[in-house]
Amino acid sequence: MKLLMVEDNTSVSEMMGMFFQKEKWDVDFAYDGNEAMDKFKSDPESWDMITLDLNLPGKDGMQVAKEIREISKTVPIIMLTARDSESDQVLGLELGADDYVTKPFSPITLIARIKAIHRRADLNNGHTAADGDGDVDVNQSQFDVTTDNFKLSSKTREAFLNGKEIQGLTPKEFDLLKTLAKKPRQVFSREQLLELVWDYEYYGDERTVDAHIKKLRQKIEKVGPQVIQTVWGVGYKFDDSEAGR
């Protein structure tokens, strides 16, 4: 794995560097936002993971995340945030981060989060959805989730509602949609979705799920009616039974 750690605290970088070395990962460090973007843009396709501190000199982490997402929709981003910055955590997720870890953090926790997200991202390796608008002939692909109004292919990482492609899904958004759609009308709690999609146990980070659901809904609504429903006090479910009307 090739990882870019964006962190202005050299002590944190040096500490994590030792842990990354034990994992035999190829790691580079950037100590401010401008340096981070220069390194990322030098070869965007080469990076497998970005860990991104929010409080950076030059450009802050929010701006860096936004610019990275303009270049790559798929490279996983883990944001490192202060423990009391709930608004930053939610905003970071809405900008396209896959996860966040609060400071101060355990190196073992960060390593575990990186591994979990990397495992999921591997499923997307080499598969990107085609660009374009309008109706798509969805009969040309093999789909492993199919309903009257919805089709999803894990092989091509494409999802269609009423024959129109849901564009711009990040790896986490795709995995979240697939998990819900595989069992229509089954209600999933936030804790269950964290375990199934993020591949780690529930630690009270349910805002991670809510922020991704919000972004996923925005992308679904661009092509058709909403199929991700909230079950108040419980969680979320997929129901496209009304989508074809």
Protein backbone atom coordinates (compact mmCIF):
# COMPACT_ATOMS: atom_id res chain seq x y z
CA MET A 1 0.00 0.00 0.00
CA LYS A 2 1.18 3.50 -0.86
CA LEU A 3 -0.01 6.00 1.73
CA LEU A 4 0.23 9.78 2.01
CA MET A 5 0.05 11.09 5.58
CA VAL A 6 -0.72 14.80 5.78
CA GLU A 7 0.20 15.92 9.29
CA ASP A 8 1.96 19.09 10.45
CA ASN A 9 2.95 17.61 13.82
CA THR A 10 6.34 16.02 13.18
CA SER A 11 6.19 13.98 16.41
CA VAL A 12 2.95 12.32 15.28
CA SER A 13 4.40 11.71 11.82
CA GLU A 14 7.56 10.15 13.21
CA MET A 15 5.60 7.93 15.58
CA MET A 16 3.23 6.72 12.86
CA GLY A 17 6.17 6.28 10.50
CA MET A 18 7.51 3.54 12.76
CA PHE A 19 4.17 1.74 12.76
CA PHE A 20 3.81 2.09 8.99
CA GLN A 21 7.30 0.67 8.56
CA LYS A 22 6.31 -2.42 10.54
CA GLU A 23 3.42 -2.90 8.12
CA LYS A 24 5.88 -2.58 5.21
CA TRP A 25 3.81 0.22 3.67
CA ASP A 26 5.26 2.77 1.25
CA VAL A 27 4.55 6.05 3.05
CA ASP A 28 5.25 9.67 2.22
CA PHE A 29 4.58 12.64 4.49
CA ALA A 30 3.34 16.17 3.80
CA TYR A 31 3.45 18.82 6.51
CA ASP A 32 1.11 21.45 5.10
CA GLY A 33 -1.83 21.61 2.70
CA ASN A 34 0.08 22.98 -0.28
CA GLU A 35 2.76 20.29 -0.03
CA ALA A 36 0.03 17.66 0.26
CA MET A 37 -1.62 18.76 -2.98
CA ASP A 38 1.71 18.98 -4.79
CA LYS A 39 2.55 15.40 -3.81
CA PHE A 40 -0.91 14.07 -4.57
CA LYS A 41 -1.15 15.77 -7.97
CA SER A 42 2.29 14.53 -9.00
CA ASP A 43 0.77 11.06 -9.51
CA PRO A 44 -2.87 10.84 -8.33
CA GLU A 45 -3.37 7.23 -9.43
CA SER A 46 -0.45 5.95 -7.37
CA TRP A 47 -1.95 6.63 -3.93
CA ASP A 48 -3.89 3.89 -2.12
CA MET A 49 -4.75 5.88 1.00
CA ILE A 50 -4.66 9.43 2.39
CA THR A 51 -4.67 10.30 6.10
CA LEU A 52 -5.45 13.97 6.42
CA ASP A 53 -5.19 16.26 9.45
CA LEU A 54 -7.73 19.08 9.40
CA ASN A 55 -5.64 21.78 11.09
CA LEU A 56 -2.90 22.44 8.54
CA PRO A 57 -0.85 25.49 7.58
CA GLY A 58 -1.19 26.69 4.01
CA LYS A 59 -4.44 25.02 3.01
CA ASP A 60 -6.54 23.46 5.72
CA GLY A 61 -7.65 19.85 5.58
CA MET A 62 -11.15 20.69 4.34
CA GLN A 63 -9.77 22.48 1.29
CA VAL A 64 -7.28 19.68 0.64
CA ALA A 65 -10.06 17.07 0.83
CA LYS A 66 -12.21 19.07 -1.59
CA GLU A 67 -9.37 19.41 -4.09
CA ILE A 68 -8.45 15.73 -3.84
CA ARG A 69 -12.08 14.76 -4.52
CA GLU A 70 -12.12 16.99 -7.59
CA ILE A 71 -9.25 14.89 -8.95
CA SER A 72 -10.14 11.45 -7.58
CA LYS A 73 -13.54 10.19 -6.46
CA THR A 74 -12.15 6.89 -5.22
CA VAL A 75 -8.90 7.30 -3.27
CA PRO A 76 -9.79 6.60 0.39
CA ILE A 77 -9.39 9.52 2.81
CA ILE A 78 -9.24 9.21 6.59
CA MET A 79 -9.50 12.54 8.37
CA LEU A 80 -7.77 13.19 11.70
CA THR A 81 -9.84 15.58 13.80
CA ALA A 82 -9.87 17.09 17.28
CA ARG A 83 -12.12 15.22 19.72
CA ASP A 84 -14.48 18.17 20.22
CA SER A 85 -14.90 19.16 16.56
CA GLU A 86 -18.15 17.37 15.70
CA SER A 87 -19.04 19.88 13.00
CA ASP A 88 -15.65 19.36 11.34
CA GLN A 89 -16.16 15.60 11.39
CA VAL A 90 -19.54 15.83 9.68
CA LEU A 91 -18.34 18.40 7.15
CA GLY A 92 -15.29 16.28 6.37
CA LEU A 93 -17.46 13.26 5.66
CA GLU A 94 -19.74 15.35 3.48
CA LEU A 95 -16.73 16.53 1.47
CA GLY A 96 -15.93 12.91 0.67
CA ALA A 97 -13.82 11.51 3.49
CA ASP A 98 -14.36 7.79 4.06
CA ASP A 99 -13.80 7.90 7.80
CA TYR A 100 -12.38 10.01 10.61
CA VAL A 101 -10.24 9.28 13.64
CA THR A 102 -10.28 11.65 16.60
CA LYS A 103 -7.13 13.01 18.24
CA PRO A 104 -5.45 11.94 20.38
CA PHE A 105 -5.62 8.51 18.79
CA SER A 106 -4.01 5.14 19.33
CA PRO A 107 -1.65 4.15 16.49
CA ILE A 108 -3.21 0.68 16.59
CA THR A 109 -6.66 2.19 16.04
CA LEU A 110 -5.49 4.20 13.04
CA ILE A 111 -3.73 1.16 11.55
CA ALA A 112 -6.92 -0.90 11.99
CA ARG A 113 -9.05 1.77 10.30
CA ILE A 114 -6.59 2.02 7.41
CA LYS A 115 -6.61 -1.75 6.89
CA ALA A 116 -10.40 -1.95 7.03
CA ILE A 117 -10.89 0.81 4.47
CA HIS A 118 -8.12 -0.53 2.25
CA ARG A 119 -9.77 -3.96 2.16
CA ARG A 120 -12.99 -2.37 0.98
CA ALA A 121 -11.22 -0.15 -1.53
CA ASP A 122 -9.53 -3.18 -3.08
CA LEU A 123 -12.95 -4.27 -4.33
CA ASN A 124 -13.00 -1.15 -6.47
CA ASN A 125 -9.51 -1.60 -7.89
CA GLY A 126 -9.54 -1.25 -11.63
CA HIS A 127 -13.28 -0.64 -11.89
CA THR A 128 -14.69 2.83 -12.52
CA ALA A 129 -18.15 3.72 -13.73
CA ALA A 130 -18.44 5.24 -17.16
CA ASP A 131 -19.29 8.91 -17.38
CA GLY A 132 -22.34 10.18 -19.17
CA ASP A 133 -25.90 11.32 -18.70
CA GLY A 134 -29.31 9.99 -19.59
CA ASP A 135 -30.59 6.48 -19.98
CA VAL A 136 -28.14 3.57 -20.08
CA ASP A 137 -28.65 0.13 -21.59
CA VAL A 138 -28.24 -1.80 -18.36
CA ASN A 139 -28.72 -5.17 -20.02
CA GLN A 140 -25.10 -5.23 -21.16
CA SER A 141 -23.66 -5.90 -17.71
CA GLN A 142 -23.99 -8.62 -15.13
CA PHE A 143 -25.79 -7.51 -11.99
CA ASP A 144 -25.74 -9.13 -8.58
CA VAL A 145 -28.52 -6.93 -7.13
CA THR A 146 -31.66 -6.62 -9.26
CA THR A 147 -35.18 -5.36 -8.55
CA ASP A 148 -37.91 -4.02 -10.84
CA ASN A 149 -36.44 -0.51 -10.67
CA PHE A 150 -32.84 -0.93 -9.50
CA LYS A 151 -29.73 -2.76 -10.67
CA LEU A 152 -26.24 -2.91 -9.16
CA SER A 153 -23.05 -4.58 -10.37
CA SER A 154 -20.20 -5.27 -7.96
CA LYS A 155 -17.98 -6.17 -10.91
CA THR A 156 -18.27 -2.80 -12.64
CA ARG A 157 -19.17 -0.82 -9.50
CA GLU A 158 -22.20 0.66 -11.25
CA ALA A 159 -25.71 1.25 -9.92
CA PHE A 160 -28.82 2.20 -11.90
CA LEU A 161 -32.23 3.47 -10.86
CA ASN A 162 -34.96 3.30 -13.52
CA GLY A 163 -32.26 2.75 -16.14
CA LYS A 164 -30.24 5.84 -15.16
CA GLU A 165 -26.80 5.54 -13.64
CA ILE A 166 -26.27 6.93 -10.15
CA GLN A 167 -23.16 8.97 -10.85
CA GLY A 168 -20.10 9.74 -8.77
CA LEU A 169 -20.45 7.15 -6.01
CA THR A 170 -17.43 6.93 -3.73
CA PRO A 171 -16.30 3.43 -2.66
CA LYS A 172 -18.02 3.79 0.71
CA GLU A 173 -21.24 5.12 -0.81
CA PHE A 174 -21.34 2.21 -3.26
CA ASP A 175 -20.74 -0.35 -0.50
CA LEU A 176 -23.41 1.29 1.65
CA LEU A 177 -25.93 1.24 -1.19
CA LYS A 178 -25.11 -2.39 -2.00
CA THR A 179 -25.48 -3.49 1.63
CA LEU A 180 -28.92 -1.91 1.89
CA ALA A 181 -30.13 -2.95 -1.58
CA LYS A 182 -29.14 -6.61 -1.17
CA LYS A 183 -31.92 -6.91 1.42
CA PRO A 184 -34.76 -4.61 0.35
CA ARG A 185 -37.00 -3.32 3.15
CA GLN A 186 -34.78 -4.84 5.83
CA VAL A 187 -33.93 -2.22 8.44
CA PHE A 188 -30.26 -1.83 9.33
CA SER A 189 -29.14 -0.01 12.44
CA ARG A 190 -26.22 2.39 12.24
CA GLU A 191 -24.17 -0.04 14.32
CA GLN A 192 -24.85 -2.83 11.81
CA LEU A 193 -23.89 -0.63 8.87
CA LEU A 194 -20.64 0.41 10.54
CA GLU A 195 -19.73 -3.23 11.02
CA LEU A 196 -20.82 -4.37 7.54
CA VAL A 197 -19.58 -1.44 5.45
CA TRP A 198 -16.72 0.02 7.46
CA ASP A 199 -15.60 -3.38 8.77
CA TYR A 200 -15.12 -2.33 12.37
CA GLU A 201 -17.16 -2.49 15.53
CA TYR A 202 -19.39 0.30 16.71
CA TYR A 203 -17.56 2.94 18.74
CA GLY A 204 -20.27 5.60 18.86
CA ASP A 205 -19.35 7.04 15.44
CA GLU A 206 -22.85 6.88 13.99
CA ARG A 207 -22.35 10.32 12.39
CA THR A 208 -20.16 8.51 9.88
CA VAL A 209 -23.19 6.59 8.62
CA ASP A 210 -25.52 9.61 8.67
CA ALA A 211 -23.12 11.77 6.66
CA HIS A 212 -22.64 9.08 4.00
CA ILE A 213 -26.39 8.45 3.78
CA LYS A 214 -26.93 12.19 3.20
CA LYS A 215 -24.43 12.28 0.31
CA LEU A 216 -25.77 9.03 -1.13
CA ARG A 217 -29.33 10.37 -1.11
CA GLN A 218 -28.24 13.53 -2.92
CA LYS A 219 -26.74 11.45 -5.74
CA ILE A 220 -29.77 9.14 -5.96
CA GLU A 221 -32.15 12.11 -6.19
CA LYS A 222 -30.36 13.32 -9.32
CA VAL A 223 -31.68 10.31 -11.27
CA GLY A 224 -34.96 9.37 -9.58
CA PRO A 225 -37.06 9.11 -6.43
CA GLN A 226 -35.48 8.45 -3.06
CA VAL A 227 -35.01 4.76 -2.25
CA ILE A 228 -33.08 5.09 1.03
CA GLN A 229 -35.60 5.55 3.79
CA THR A 230 -35.11 6.46 7.45
CA VAL A 231 -36.77 4.26 10.04
CA TRP A 232 -36.93 6.64 12.98
CA GLY A 233 -35.25 5.39 16.12
CA VAL A 234 -33.82 2.35 14.34
CA GLY A 235 -31.79 3.07 11.19
CA TYR A 236 -32.16 2.87 7.42
CA LYS A 237 -33.65 0.63 4.74
CA PHE A 238 -33.72 0.33 0.96
CA ASP A 239 -37.16 0.35 -0.65
CA ASP A 240 -37.62 1.03 -4.37
CA SER A 241 -41.15 -0.37 -4.62
CA GLU A 242 -42.53 3.09 -5.42
CA ALA A 243 -39.64 4.17 -7.65
CA GLY A 244 -41.22 3.04 -10.91
CA ARG A 245 -44.44 4.98 -10.50
